[in-house]
PDB file of N, CA and C in Angstrom:
ATOM      1  N   MET A   1       0.447   4.233  17.755  1.00  0.00           N
ATOM      2  CA  MET A   1       1.836   4.954  16.744  1.00  0.00           C
ATOM      3  C   MET A   1      -0.100   5.291  16.379  1.00  0.00           C
ATOM      4  N   LYS A   2      -0.015   6.771  15.776  1.00  0.00           N
ATOM      5  CA  LYS A   2      -1.808   7.215  14.620  1.00  0.00           C
ATOM      6  C   LYS A   2      -1.560   7.240  13.472  1.00  0.00           C
ATOM      7  N   GLY A   3      -2.447   7.116  12.780  1.00  0.00           N
ATOM      8  CA  GLY A   3      -2.855   6.207  11.417  1.00  0.00           C
ATOM      9  C   GLY A   3      -2.999   7.310  10.586  1.00  0.00           C
ATOM     10  N   ALA A   4      -2.897   7.428   8.778  1.00  0.00           N
ATOM     11  CA  ALA A   4      -3.164   8.308   8.429  1.00  0.00           C
ATOM     12  C   ALA A   4      -4.385   8.826   8.030  1.00  0.00           C
ATOM     13  N   ALA A   5      -4.543   9.886   7.875  1.00  0.00           N
ATOM     14  CA  ALA A   5      -5.779  10.455   7.898  1.00  0.00           C
ATOM     15  C   ALA A   5      -5.687  10.860   6.416  1.00  0.00           C
ATOM     16  N   VAL A   6      -7.620  10.792   5.772  1.00  0.00           N
ATOM     17  CA  VAL A   6      -7.920  10.227   4.732  1.00  0.00           C
ATOM     18  C   VAL A   6      -7.216  11.910   4.205  1.00  0.00           C
ATOM     19  N   MET A   7      -7.271  12.948   4.855  1.00  0.00           N
ATOM     20  CA  MET A   7      -6.856  14.063   4.248  1.00  0.00           C
ATOM     21  C   MET A   7      -4.835  13.835   2.896  1.00  0.00           C
ATOM     22  N   ASP A   8      -4.706  12.586   4.223  1.00  0.00           N
ATOM     23  CA  ASP A   8      -2.633  12.548   3.881  1.00  0.00           C
ATOM     24  C   ASP A   8      -3.066  11.135   2.890  1.00  0.00           C
ATOM     25  N   TRP A   9      -4.103  10.830   2.549  1.00  0.00           N
ATOM     26  CA  TRP A   9      -4.195   9.957   0.953  1.00  0.00           C
ATOM     27  C   TRP A   9      -3.941  10.642  -0.080  1.00  0.00           C
ATOM     28  N   LYS A  10      -3.034   9.931  -0.729  1.00  0.00           N
ATOM     29  CA  LYS A  10      -2.493  10.554  -2.340  1.00  0.00           C
ATOM     30  C   LYS A  10      -3.400   9.612  -3.434  1.00  0.00           C
ATOM     31  N   GLU A  11      -4.228  10.404  -3.876  1.00  0.00           N
ATOM     32  CA  GLU A  11      -4.920   9.343  -5.579  1.00  0.00           C
ATOM     33  C   GLU A  11      -3.519   9.590  -6.966  1.00  0.00           C
ATOM     34  N   LEU A  12      -3.153   8.644  -6.706  1.00  0.00           N
ATOM     35  CA  LEU A  12      -2.252   8.728  -7.803  1.00  0.00           C
ATOM     36  C   LEU A  12      -2.379   8.599  -9.488  1.00  0.00           C
ATOM     37  N   ASP A  13      -3.822   7.872  -9.086  1.00  0.00           N
ATOM     38  CA  ASP A  13      -5.258   7.951 -10.261  1.00  0.00           C
ATOM     39  C   ASP A  13      -6.305   7.137 -10.355  1.00  0.00           C
ATOM     40  N   ASP A  14      -7.089   6.780 -11.311  1.00  0.00           N
ATOM     41  CA  ASP A  14      -8.741   6.240 -10.815  1.00  0.00           C
ATOM     42  C   ASP A  14      -8.833   4.958 -10.182  1.00  0.00           C
ATOM     43  N   GLN A  15      -7.264   3.919  -9.913  1.00  0.00           N
ATOM     44  CA  GLN A  15      -6.899   3.429  -9.349  1.00  0.00           C
ATOM     45  C   GLN A  15      -6.306   2.486  -7.952  1.00  0.00           C
ATOM     46  N   VAL A  16      -4.664   4.070  -7.601  1.00  0.00           N
ATOM     47  CA  VAL A  16      -4.140   3.617  -6.904  1.00  0.00           C
ATOM     48  C   VAL A  16      -3.791   4.883  -6.510  1.00  0.00           C
ATOM     49  N   THR A  17      -4.093   4.669  -4.604  1.00  0.00           N
ATOM     50  CA  THR A  17      -4.027   5.824  -3.522  1.00  0.00           C
ATOM     51  C   THR A  17      -1.989   4.783  -2.725  1.00  0.00           C
ATOM     52  N   VAL A  18      -1.680   6.057  -2.271  1.00  0.00           N
ATOM     53  CA  VAL A  18      -0.511   5.715  -1.298  1.00  0.00           C
ATOM     54  C   VAL A  18      -0.916   6.551  -0.170  1.00  0.00           C
ATOM     55  N   ALA A  19      -0.596   6.768   0.713  1.00  0.00           N
ATOM     56  CA  ALA A  19      -0.481   7.093   2.038  1.00  0.00           C
ATOM     57  C   ALA A  19       0.574   7.184   3.227  1.00  0.00           C
ATOM     58  N   TRP A  20       0.921   7.587   4.000  1.00  0.00           N
ATOM     59  CA  TRP A  20       2.269   6.582   4.916  1.00  0.00           C
ATOM     60  C   TRP A  20       1.295   5.569   5.777  1.00  0.00           C
ATOM     61  N   GLN A  21       2.497   5.342   6.802  1.00  0.00           N
ATOM     62  CA  GLN A  21       1.755   3.829   7.370  1.00  0.00           C
ATOM     63  C   GLN A  21       0.194   4.157   8.293  1.00  0.00           C
ATOM     64  N   ILE A  22      -0.569   3.100   7.841  1.00  0.00           N
ATOM     65  CA  ILE A  22      -1.385   2.808   8.753  1.00  0.00           C
ATOM     66  C   ILE A  22      -1.349   1.548   9.468  1.00  0.00           C
ATOM     67  N   GLY A  23      -2.844   1.689  10.480  1.00  0.00           N
ATOM     68  CA  GLY A  23      -3.262   0.196  11.540  1.00  0.00           C
ATOM     69  C   GLY A  23      -4.374   0.357  11.191  1.00  0.00           C
ATOM     70  N   PRO A  24      -4.525  -1.415  12.058  1.00  0.00           N
ATOM     71  CA  PRO A  24      -5.555  -1.913  11.826  1.00  0.00           C
ATOM     72  C   PRO A  24      -6.946  -0.775  11.648  1.00  0.00           C
ATOM     73  N   GLU A  25      -7.136   0.478  12.809  1.00  0.00           N
ATOM     74  CA  GLU A  25      -7.773   1.074  13.266  1.00  0.00           C
ATOM     75  C   GLU A  25      -8.304   1.825  11.391  1.00  0.00           C
ATOM     76  N   ASP A  26      -7.665   2.290  11.060  1.00  0.00           N
ATOM     77  CA  ASP A  26      -8.109   2.729   9.509  1.00  0.00           C
ATOM     78  C   ASP A  26      -8.212   1.696   8.470  1.00  0.00           C
ATOM     79  N   VAL A  27      -8.083   0.867   8.859  1.00  0.00           N
ATOM     80  CA  VAL A  27      -8.846  -0.522   7.403  1.00  0.00           C
ATOM     81  C   VAL A  27     -10.749  -0.546   7.293  1.00  0.00           C
ATOM     82  N   PRO A  28     -11.500  -0.067   8.639  1.00  0.00           N
ATOM     83  CA  PRO A  28     -12.967   0.020   8.261  1.00  0.00           C
ATOM     84  C   PRO A  28     -13.068   0.919   7.262  1.00  0.00           C
ATOM     85  N   ARG A  29     -12.032   2.837   7.646  1.00  0.00           N
ATOM     86  CA  ARG A  29     -12.353   3.267   6.881  1.00  0.00           C
ATOM     87  C   ARG A  29     -11.947   3.561   5.433  1.00  0.00           C
ATOM     88  N   ILE A  30     -10.529   2.563   5.238  1.00  0.00           N
ATOM     89  CA  ILE A  30     -10.046   2.660   3.733  1.00  0.00           C
ATOM     90  C   ILE A  30     -11.185   1.448   2.946  1.00  0.00           C
ATOM     91  N   ALA A  31     -11.970   0.260   3.500  1.00  0.00           N
ATOM     92  CA  ALA A  31     -12.544  -0.811   3.225  1.00  0.00           C
ATOM     93  C   ALA A  31     -14.538   0.916   2.252  1.00  0.00           C
ATOM     94  N   ALA A  32     -14.215   1.192   3.646  1.00  0.00           N
ATOM     95  CA  ALA A  32     -15.050   2.299   3.225  1.00  0.00           C
ATOM     96  C   ALA A  32     -15.290   2.913   1.840  1.00  0.00           C
ATOM     97  N   ALA A  33     -14.406   3.142   1.955  1.00  0.00           N
ATOM     98  CA  ALA A  33     -13.905   4.373   0.398  1.00  0.00           C
ATOM     99  C   ALA A  33     -13.486   3.452  -0.572  1.00  0.00           C
ATOM    100  N   GLY A  34     -13.884   2.212  -0.731  1.00  0.00           N
ATOM    101  CA  GLY A  34     -14.434   1.604  -2.155  1.00  0.00           C
ATOM    102  C   GLY A  34     -12.924   0.982  -1.925  1.00  0.00           C
ATOM    103  N   TYR A  35     -11.667   0.200  -1.297  1.00  0.00           N
ATOM    104  CA  TYR A  35     -10.616  -0.078  -1.624  1.00  0.00           C
ATOM    105  C   TYR A  35     -10.786  -1.584  -2.074  1.00  0.00           C
ATOM    106  N   LYS A  36      -9.887  -2.915  -2.727  1.00  0.00           N
ATOM    107  CA  LYS A  36     -10.073  -3.980  -2.643  1.00  0.00           C
ATOM    108  C   LYS A  36      -8.717  -4.868  -1.994  1.00  0.00           C
ATOM    109  N   CYS A  37      -7.938  -3.347  -2.564  1.00  0.00           N
ATOM    110  CA  CYS A  37      -6.574  -4.263  -2.033  1.00  0.00           C
ATOM    111  C   CYS A  37      -5.969  -2.960  -1.193  1.00  0.00           C
ATOM    112  N   VAL A  38      -5.115  -3.939  -0.239  1.00  0.00           N
ATOM    113  CA  VAL A  38      -4.249  -2.896   1.077  1.00  0.00           C
ATOM    114  C   VAL A  38      -2.538  -3.748   0.853  1.00  0.00           C
ATOM    115  N   MET A  39      -1.712  -2.545  -0.026  1.00  0.00           N
ATOM    116  CA  MET A  39      -0.388  -2.893  -0.296  1.00  0.00           C
ATOM    117  C   MET A  39       0.432  -2.358   0.678  1.00  0.00           C
ATOM    118  N   CYS A  40       0.782  -3.393   1.248  1.00  0.00           N
ATOM    119  CA  CYS A  40       2.194  -2.693   2.076  1.00  0.00           C
ATOM    120  C   CYS A  40       3.478  -2.761   1.644  1.00  0.00           C
ATOM    121  N   ASN A  41       4.074  -1.720   1.902  1.00  0.00           N
ATOM    122  CA  ASN A  41       5.692  -1.614   0.826  1.00  0.00           C
ATOM    123  C   ASN A  41       6.561  -1.230   2.105  1.00  0.00           C
ATOM    124  N   ARG A  42       5.936  -1.353   3.587  1.00  0.00           N
ATOM    125  CA  ARG A  42       6.997  -1.116   4.531  1.00  0.00           C
ATOM    126  C   ARG A  42       7.752  -2.094   4.599  1.00  0.00           C
ATOM    127  N   PRO A  43       8.233  -2.500   5.149  1.00  0.00           N
ATOM    128  CA  PRO A  43       9.097  -3.642   5.956  1.00  0.00           C
ATOM    129  C   PRO A  43       8.383  -4.015   7.298  1.00  0.00           C
ATOM    130  N   ASP A  44       8.047  -5.590   8.103  1.00  0.00           N
ATOM    131  CA  ASP A  44       7.976  -5.345   9.298  1.00  0.00           C
ATOM    132  C   ASP A  44       9.314  -5.178   9.917  1.00  0.00           C
ATOM    133  N   GLY A  45       8.985  -4.489  10.974  1.00  0.00           N
ATOM    134  CA  GLY A  45      10.019  -3.969  11.780  1.00  0.00           C
ATOM    135  C   GLY A  45      11.334  -2.497  11.418  1.00  0.00           C
ATOM    136  N   GLU A  46      10.526  -2.347  10.001  1.00  0.00           N
ATOM    137  CA  GLU A  46      11.707  -1.250  10.554  1.00  0.00           C
ATOM    138  C   GLU A  46      11.856  -0.294  11.177  1.00  0.00           C
ATOM    139  N   GLU A  47      11.121   0.165  11.992  1.00  0.00           N
ATOM    140  CA  GLU A  47      10.936   1.453  13.269  1.00  0.00           C
ATOM    141  C   GLU A  47       9.858   0.883  14.514  1.00  0.00           C
ATOM    142  N   ALA A  48      11.137   1.515  15.374  1.00  0.00           N
ATOM    143  CA  ALA A  48       9.708   1.014  17.256  1.00  0.00           C
ATOM    144  C   ALA A  48       8.463   1.668  15.912  1.00  0.00           C
ATOM    145  N   GLY A  49       7.456   0.568  17.218  1.00  0.00           N
ATOM    146  CA  GLY A  49       6.413   1.133  17.226  1.00  0.00           C
ATOM    147  C   GLY A  49       5.373   1.612  15.936  1.00  0.00           C
ATOM    148  N   GLN A  50       5.972   0.783  15.061  1.00  0.00           N
ATOM    149  CA  GLN A  50       5.444   0.631  13.724  1.00  0.00           C
ATOM    150  C   GLN A  50       4.056  -0.840  13.762  1.00  0.00           C
ATOM    151  N   PRO A  51       2.685  -0.433  13.618  1.00  0.00           N
ATOM    152  CA  PRO A  51       2.263  -1.951  13.870  1.00  0.00           C
ATOM    153  C   PRO A  51       2.829  -2.986  12.626  1.00  0.00           C
ATOM    154  N   ASP A  52       1.958  -4.052  13.620  1.00  0.00           N
ATOM    155  CA  ASP A  52       2.356  -5.409  12.439  1.00  0.00           C
ATOM    156  C   ASP A  52       2.215  -5.749  11.860  1.00  0.00           C
ATOM    157  N   TRP A  53       2.256  -5.897  10.167  1.00  0.00           N
ATOM    158  CA  TRP A  53       1.671  -5.899   8.697  1.00  0.00           C
ATOM    159  C   TRP A  53       0.272  -7.284   8.888  1.00  0.00           C
ATOM    160  N   ASP A  54       0.883  -8.703  10.447  1.00  0.00           N
ATOM    161  CA  ASP A  54       0.683  -9.546   9.667  1.00  0.00           C
ATOM    162  C   ASP A  54      -1.686  -8.672  10.509  1.00  0.00           C
ATOM    163  N   GLU A  55      -1.403  -8.305  11.494  1.00  0.00           N
ATOM    164  CA  GLU A  55      -2.239  -8.017  12.054  1.00  0.00           C
ATOM    165  C   GLU A  55      -2.037  -6.772  11.496  1.00  0.00           C
ATOM    166  N   ILE A  56      -2.407  -5.945  10.774  1.00  0.00           N
ATOM    167  CA  ILE A  56      -3.276  -4.711   9.321  1.00  0.00           C
ATOM    168  C   ILE A  56      -3.390  -5.708   8.392  1.00  0.00           C
ATOM    169  N   ALA A  57      -3.031  -7.147   8.101  1.00  0.00           N
ATOM    170  CA  ALA A  57      -3.434  -8.129   6.729  1.00  0.00           C
ATOM    171  C   ALA A  57      -5.250  -8.369   7.449  1.00  0.00           C
ATOM    172  N   ASP A  58      -5.202  -8.892   8.891  1.00  0.00           N
ATOM    173  CA  ASP A  58      -5.786 -10.060   9.115  1.00  0.00           C
ATOM    174  C   ASP A  58      -7.320  -8.743   9.344  1.00  0.00           C
ATOM    175  N   THR A  59      -7.307  -7.872   9.354  1.00  0.00           N
ATOM    176  CA  THR A  59      -8.036  -6.504   9.623  1.00  0.00           C
ATOM    177  C   THR A  59      -8.630  -6.527   8.110  1.00  0.00           C
ATOM    178  N   CYS A  60      -7.776  -5.969   7.272  1.00  0.00           N
ATOM    179  CA  CYS A  60      -8.458  -6.406   5.397  1.00  0.00           C
ATOM    180  C   CYS A  60      -9.298  -7.315   5.025  1.00  0.00           C
ATOM    181  N   ARG A  61      -8.800  -9.248   5.907  1.00  0.00           N
ATOM    182  CA  ARG A  61      -9.179  -9.622   5.035  1.00  0.00           C
ATOM    183  C   ARG A  61     -11.432  -9.729   5.851  1.00  0.00           C
ATOM    184  N   ALA A  62     -10.931  -9.635   7.106  1.00  0.00           N
ATOM    185  CA  ALA A  62     -12.161  -9.560   7.651  1.00  0.00           C
ATOM    186  C   ALA A  62     -13.186  -8.330   7.422  1.00  0.00           C
ATOM    187  N   HIS A  63     -13.049  -7.619   6.857  1.00  0.00           N
ATOM    188  CA  HIS A  63     -13.058  -6.897   5.787  1.00  0.00           C
ATOM    189  C   HIS A  63     -13.359  -6.286   4.524  1.00  0.00           C
ATOM    190  N   GLY A  64     -12.944  -8.079   4.004  1.00  0.00           N
ATOM    191  CA  GLY A  64     -13.219  -7.429   2.293  1.00  0.00           C
ATOM    192  C   GLY A  64     -12.329  -7.175   1.501  1.00  0.00           C
ATOM    193  N   ILE A  65     -11.046  -6.620   1.508  1.00  0.00           N
ATOM    194  CA  ILE A  65      -9.711  -6.514   1.373  1.00  0.00           C
ATOM    195  C   ILE A  65      -8.787  -7.852   1.280  1.00  0.00           C
ATOM    196  N   GLU A  66      -8.229  -8.000   0.308  1.00  0.00           N
ATOM    197  CA  GLU A  66      -7.403  -8.349   0.206  1.00  0.00           C
ATOM    198  C   GLU A  66      -6.083  -8.031   0.375  1.00  0.00           C
ATOM    199  N   PRO A  67      -5.162  -8.243   1.479  1.00  0.00           N
ATOM    200  CA  PRO A  67      -3.832  -7.836   1.367  1.00  0.00           C
ATOM    201  C   PRO A  67      -2.593  -8.271   1.129  1.00  0.00           C
ATOM    202  N   ARG A  68      -1.863  -7.688   0.629  1.00  0.00           N
ATOM    203  CA  ARG A  68      -0.439  -7.813   0.196  1.00  0.00           C
ATOM    204  C   ARG A  68       0.233  -6.798   0.597  1.00  0.00           C
ATOM    205  N   TYR A  69       1.495  -7.555   1.011  1.00  0.00           N
ATOM    206  CA  TYR A  69       2.819  -7.370   1.714  1.00  0.00           C
ATOM    207  C   TYR A  69       3.878  -7.669   0.330  1.00  0.00           C
ATOM    208  N   VAL A  70       4.852  -6.472  -0.310  1.00  0.00           N
ATOM    209  CA  VAL A  70       5.351  -5.952  -0.856  1.00  0.00           C
ATOM    210  C   VAL A  70       6.701  -5.418  -0.144  1.00  0.00           C
ATOM    211  N   PRO A  71       6.745  -5.699   0.400  1.00  0.00           N
ATOM    212  CA  PRO A  71       8.064  -4.906   1.155  1.00  0.00           C
ATOM    213  C   PRO A  71       8.915  -3.644   0.134  1.00  0.00           C
ATOM    214  N   GLN A  72      10.017  -3.091   0.445  1.00  0.00           N
ATOM    215  CA  GLN A  72      11.041  -2.482  -0.781  1.00  0.00           C
ATOM    216  C   GLN A  72      11.562  -1.534   0.435  1.00  0.00           C
ATOM    217  N   ALA A  73      12.897  -1.774   1.295  1.00  0.00           N
ATOM    218  CA  ALA A  73      13.803  -1.276   1.634  1.00  0.00           C
ATOM    219  C   ALA A  73      13.404   0.670   1.557  1.00  0.00           C
ATOM    220  N   ASP A  74      14.479   1.130   0.768  1.00  0.00           N
ATOM    221  CA  ASP A  74      14.497   1.895   0.403  1.00  0.00           C
ATOM    222  C   ASP A  74      13.510   2.881  -0.824  1.00  0.00           C
ATOM    223  N   ARG A  75      15.048   3.428  -0.981  1.00  0.00           N
ATOM    224  CA  ARG A  75      14.212   4.689  -2.191  1.00  0.00           C
ATOM    225  C   ARG A  75      14.550   3.818  -3.837  1.00  0.00           C
ATOM    226  N   ASN A  76      15.210   3.037  -3.576  1.00  0.00           N
ATOM    227  CA  ASN A  76      15.657   2.816  -4.563  1.00  0.00           C
ATOM    228  C   ASN A  76      14.945   1.177  -5.078  1.00  0.00           C
ATOM    229  N   PRO A  77      14.200   0.563  -5.922  1.00  0.00           N
ATOM    230  CA  PRO A  77      12.549   0.024  -6.225  1.00  0.00           C
ATOM    231  C   PRO A  77      13.642  -1.067  -6.813  1.00  0.00           C
ATOM    232  N   THR A  78      13.738  -2.426  -6.189  1.00  0.00           N
ATOM    233  CA  THR A  78      13.616  -3.661  -6.486  1.00  0.00           C
ATOM    234  C   THR A  78      12.617  -3.977  -7.929  1.00  0.00           C
ATOM    235  N   GLU A  79      13.144  -4.592  -8.261  1.00  0.00           N
ATOM    236  CA  GLU A  79      12.624  -5.502  -8.908  1.00  0.00           C
ATOM    237  C   GLU A  79      10.836  -6.396  -8.234  1.00  0.00           C
ATOM    238  N   TYR A  80      12.039  -7.141  -8.082  1.00  0.00           N
ATOM    239  CA  TYR A  80      10.648  -8.031  -7.113  1.00  0.00           C
ATOM    240  C   TYR A  80       9.672  -6.921  -6.852  1.00  0.00           C
ATOM    241  N   ALA A  81       9.596  -5.731  -5.721  1.00  0.00           N
ATOM    242  CA  ALA A  81       8.821  -4.484  -5.562  1.00  0.00           C
ATOM    243  C   ALA A  81       8.532  -4.353  -6.751  1.00  0.00           C
ATOM    244  N   ILE A  82       8.836  -4.016  -7.311  1.00  0.00           N
ATOM    245  CA  ILE A  82       7.952  -3.563  -8.748  1.00  0.00           C
ATOM    246  C   ILE A  82       7.015  -4.649  -9.032  1.00  0.00           C
ATOM    247  N   ASN A  83       7.691  -5.647  -9.563  1.00  0.00           N
ATOM    248  CA  ASN A  83       6.519  -6.419  -9.816  1.00  0.00           C
ATOM    249  C   ASN A  83       5.466  -6.530  -9.163  1.00  0.00           C
ATOM    250  N   GLY A  84       5.893  -6.810  -7.895  1.00  0.00           N
ATOM    251  CA  GLY A  84       4.259  -7.028  -7.414  1.00  0.00           C
ATOM    252  C   GLY A  84       3.448  -5.419  -7.322  1.00  0.00           C
ATOM    253  N   PHE A  85       4.058  -4.614  -6.426  1.00  0.00           N
ATOM    254  CA  PHE A  85       3.073  -3.581  -6.972  1.00  0.00           C
ATOM    255  C   PHE A  85       2.828  -3.451  -8.369  1.00  0.00           C
ATOM    256  N   ALA A  86       3.560  -3.927  -9.786  1.00  0.00           N
ATOM    257  CA  ALA A  86       2.368  -4.519 -10.675  1.00  0.00           C
ATOM    258  C   ALA A  86       1.360  -5.090 -11.098  1.00  0.00           C
ATOM    259  N   LYS A  87       1.913  -6.285 -10.572  1.00  0.00           N
ATOM    260  CA  LYS A  87       0.785  -7.404 -10.487  1.00  0.00           C
ATOM    261  C   LYS A  87      -0.527  -7.516  -9.086  1.00  0.00           C
ATOM    262  N   ALA A  88      -0.664  -5.766  -8.730  1.00  0.00           N
ATOM    263  CA  ALA A  88      -1.575  -5.497  -7.209  1.00  0.00           C
ATOM    264  C   ALA A  88      -2.095  -4.770  -8.822  1.00  0.00           C
ATOM    265  N   MET A  89      -1.435  -3.842  -8.974  1.00  0.00           N
ATOM    266  CA  MET A  89      -2.223  -2.743 -10.279  1.00  0.00           C
ATOM    267  C   MET A  89      -3.280  -3.745 -11.327  1.00  0.00           C
ATOM    268  N   ALA A  90      -2.992  -5.422 -11.526  1.00  0.00           N
ATOM    269  CA  ALA A  90      -3.233  -6.243 -12.930  1.00  0.00           C
ATOM    270  C   ALA A  90      -4.470  -6.727 -11.830  1.00  0.00           C
ATOM    271  N   GLU A  91      -4.140  -7.430 -10.936  1.00  0.00           N
ATOM    272  CA  GLU A  91      -5.107  -8.444 -10.353  1.00  0.00           C
ATOM    273  C   GLU A  91      -6.127  -7.861  -9.686  1.00  0.00           C
ATOM    274  N   THR A  92      -5.686  -6.613  -9.256  1.00  0.00           N
ATOM    275  CA  THR A  92      -7.044  -6.010  -8.421  1.00  0.00           C
ATOM    276  C   THR A  92      -8.089  -5.045  -8.841  1.00  0.00           C
ATOM    277  N   PRO A  93      -9.231  -5.763  -9.295  1.00  0.00           N
ATOM    278  CA  PRO A  93     -10.207  -5.262 -10.159  1.00  0.00           C
ATOM    279  C   PRO A  93     -10.849  -4.028  -9.245  1.00  0.00           C
ATOM    280  N   GLY A  94     -10.192  -3.310  -8.741  1.00  0.00           N
ATOM    281  CA  GLY A  94     -10.571  -2.391  -8.132  1.00  0.00           C
ATOM    282  C   GLY A  94      -9.416  -1.665  -7.864  1.00  0.00           C
ATOM    283  N   LYS A  95      -9.429  -0.435  -6.696  1.00  0.00           N
ATOM    284  CA  LYS A  95      -8.551   0.246  -6.184  1.00  0.00           C
ATOM    285  C   LYS A  95      -8.126   0.154  -5.410  1.00  0.00           C
ATOM    286  N   VAL A  96      -6.620  -0.023  -5.610  1.00  0.00           N
ATOM    287  CA  VAL A  96      -5.761  -0.122  -4.013  1.00  0.00           C
ATOM    288  C   VAL A  96      -5.591   0.699  -4.096  1.00  0.00           C
ATOM    289  N   PHE A  97      -4.626   0.428  -1.935  1.00  0.00           N
ATOM    290  CA  PHE A  97      -4.296   1.261  -1.810  1.00  0.00           C
ATOM    291  C   PHE A  97      -3.362   0.720  -0.743  1.00  0.00           C
ATOM    292  N   ALA A  98      -1.949   1.478  -1.140  1.00  0.00           N
ATOM    293  CA  ALA A  98      -0.391   1.163  -1.223  1.00  0.00           C
ATOM    294  C   ALA A  98      -0.254   1.904   0.415  1.00  0.00           C
ATOM    295  N   PHE A  99       1.091   2.119   1.198  1.00  0.00           N
ATOM    296  CA  PHE A  99       1.182   2.517   2.273  1.00  0.00           C
ATOM    297  C   PHE A  99       2.877   2.229   2.577  1.00  0.00           C
ATOM    298  N   CYS A 100       3.526   3.433   3.050  1.00  0.00           N
ATOM    299  CA  CYS A 100       4.438   3.159   3.653  1.00  0.00           C
ATOM    300  C   CYS A 100       5.563   3.277   4.882  1.00  0.00           C
ATOM    301  N   ARG A 101       6.239   4.513   5.074  1.00  0.00           N
ATOM    302  CA  ARG A 101       6.546   5.467   5.927  1.00  0.00           C
ATOM    303  C   ARG A 101       5.691   6.562   6.033  1.00  0.00           C
ATOM    304  N   THR A 102       6.581   7.473   4.834  1.00  0.00           N
ATOM    305  CA  THR A 102       5.413   7.988   4.172  1.00  0.00           C
ATOM    306  C   THR A 102       4.570   8.472   3.071  1.00  0.00           C
ATOM    307  N   GLY A 103       4.491   7.143   2.341  1.00  0.00           N
ATOM    308  CA  GLY A 103       3.970   7.068   0.855  1.00  0.00           C
ATOM    309  C   GLY A 103       4.504   7.061  -0.505  1.00  0.00           C
ATOM    310  N   THR A 104       5.627   7.592   0.152  1.00  0.00           N
ATOM    311  CA  THR A 104       7.809   8.193  -0.816  1.00  0.00           C
ATOM    312  C   THR A 104       7.963   6.977  -1.866  1.00  0.00           C
ATOM    313  N   ARG A 105       8.323   5.840  -1.190  1.00  0.00           N
ATOM    314  CA  ARG A 105       8.241   4.424  -1.980  1.00  0.00           C
ATOM    315  C   ARG A 105       7.233   3.800  -2.356  1.00  0.00           C
ATOM    316  N   CYS A 106       5.655   4.240  -1.820  1.00  0.00           N
ATOM    317  CA  CYS A 106       5.230   3.456  -3.103  1.00  0.00           C
ATOM    318  C   CYS A 106       4.467   4.660  -4.062  1.00  0.00           C
ATOM    319  N   GLU A 107       4.755   5.370  -3.772  1.00  0.00           N
ATOM    320  CA  GLU A 107       4.481   6.716  -5.629  1.00  0.00           C
ATOM    321  C   GLU A 107       6.099   5.682  -6.110  1.00  0.00           C
ATOM    322  N   ILE A 108       7.388   5.287  -5.901  1.00  0.00           N
ATOM    323  CA  ILE A 108       8.348   5.435  -6.567  1.00  0.00           C
ATOM    324  C   ILE A 108       8.796   4.497  -7.126  1.00  0.00           C
ATOM    325  N   LEU A 109       6.799   3.428  -6.280  1.00  0.00           N
ATOM    326  CA  LEU A 109       7.319   2.342  -6.972  1.00  0.00           C
ATOM    327  C   LEU A 109       6.200   2.551  -8.585  1.00  0.00           C
ATOM    328  N   TYR A 110       4.845   2.682  -7.875  1.00  0.00           N
ATOM    329  CA  TYR A 110       3.721   3.149  -8.542  1.00  0.00           C
ATOM    330  C   TYR A 110       4.587   3.898  -9.821  1.00  0.00           C
ATOM    331  N   ASN A 111       5.575   4.944 -10.457  1.00  0.00           N
ATOM    332  CA  ASN A 111       6.319   5.369 -11.400  1.00  0.00           C
ATOM    333  C   ASN A 111       6.711   4.067 -12.461  1.00  0.00           C
ATOM    334  N   ALA A 112       7.500   3.623 -11.565  1.00  0.00           N
ATOM    335  CA  ALA A 112       8.081   2.542 -11.830  1.00  0.00           C
ATOM    336  C   ALA A 112       8.045   1.779 -12.541  1.00  0.00           C
ATOM    337  N   VAL A 113       6.427   1.186 -12.408  1.00  0.00           N
ATOM    338  CA  VAL A 113       5.313   0.523 -12.768  1.00  0.00           C
ATOM    339  C   VAL A 113       4.610   0.793 -14.396  1.00  0.00           C
ATOM    340  N   LYS A 114       4.352   2.133 -13.907  1.00  0.00           N
ATOM    341  CA  LYS A 114       4.259   3.568 -14.881  1.00  0.00           C
ATOM    342  C   LYS A 114       4.788   3.550 -16.572  1.00  0.00           C
ATOM    343  N   ALA A 115       6.682   3.226 -16.167  1.00  0.00           N
ATOM    344  CA  ALA A 115       7.635   4.056 -16.695  1.00  0.00           C
ATOM    345  C   ALA A 115       7.913   2.490 -17.543  1.00  0.00           C
ATOM    346  N   ARG A 116       7.138   1.603 -16.816  1.00  0.00           N
ATOM    347  CA  ARG A 116       7.782  -0.132 -17.398  1.00  0.00           C
ATOM    348  C   ARG A 116       7.125   0.205 -19.211  1.00  0.00           C
ATOM    349  N   LYS A 117       5.396   0.467 -18.405  1.00  0.00           N
ATOM    350  CA  LYS A 117       4.696  -0.545 -19.067  1.00  0.00           C
ATOM    351  C   LYS A 117       4.445   1.391 -20.278  1.00  0.00           C
ATOM    352  N   ALA A 118       4.818   2.418 -19.385  1.00  0.00           N
ATOM    353  CA  ALA A 118       5.478   3.246 -20.814  1.00  0.00           C
ATOM    354  C   ALA A 118       6.469   3.103 -22.242  1.00  0.00           C
ATOM    355  N   GLY A 119       7.222   2.664 -22.357  1.00  0.00           N
ATOM    356  CA  GLY A 119       8.307   1.794 -22.855  1.00  0.00           C
ATOM    357  C   GLY A 119       9.094   1.381 -22.606  1.00  0.00           C
TER     358      GLY A 119
END
């Protein structure tokens, strides 16, 4: 499975970028771009051929990036996923790179966190 090209990354603000599915081969480019955390919002085994989260997480650690696994099964954000996304944003001293199958679930979670903060 081919990972997300840089042009497919969507910067939501100065801290958070979302993208579609990445693979371990994408981690060096993410590290070079200055990201401090990679967050997976996609459940393992959701689709045949999907890269294994443990392999991506190990590659992140090898490149000095904190891996976080906060799976969200669909586009209806759970409390667990909203809280996990918020925690990653609050605890990461730098940029967060979040991914799922298309990036949409990540963006939904980001917007849910922002809405909570706003009011």
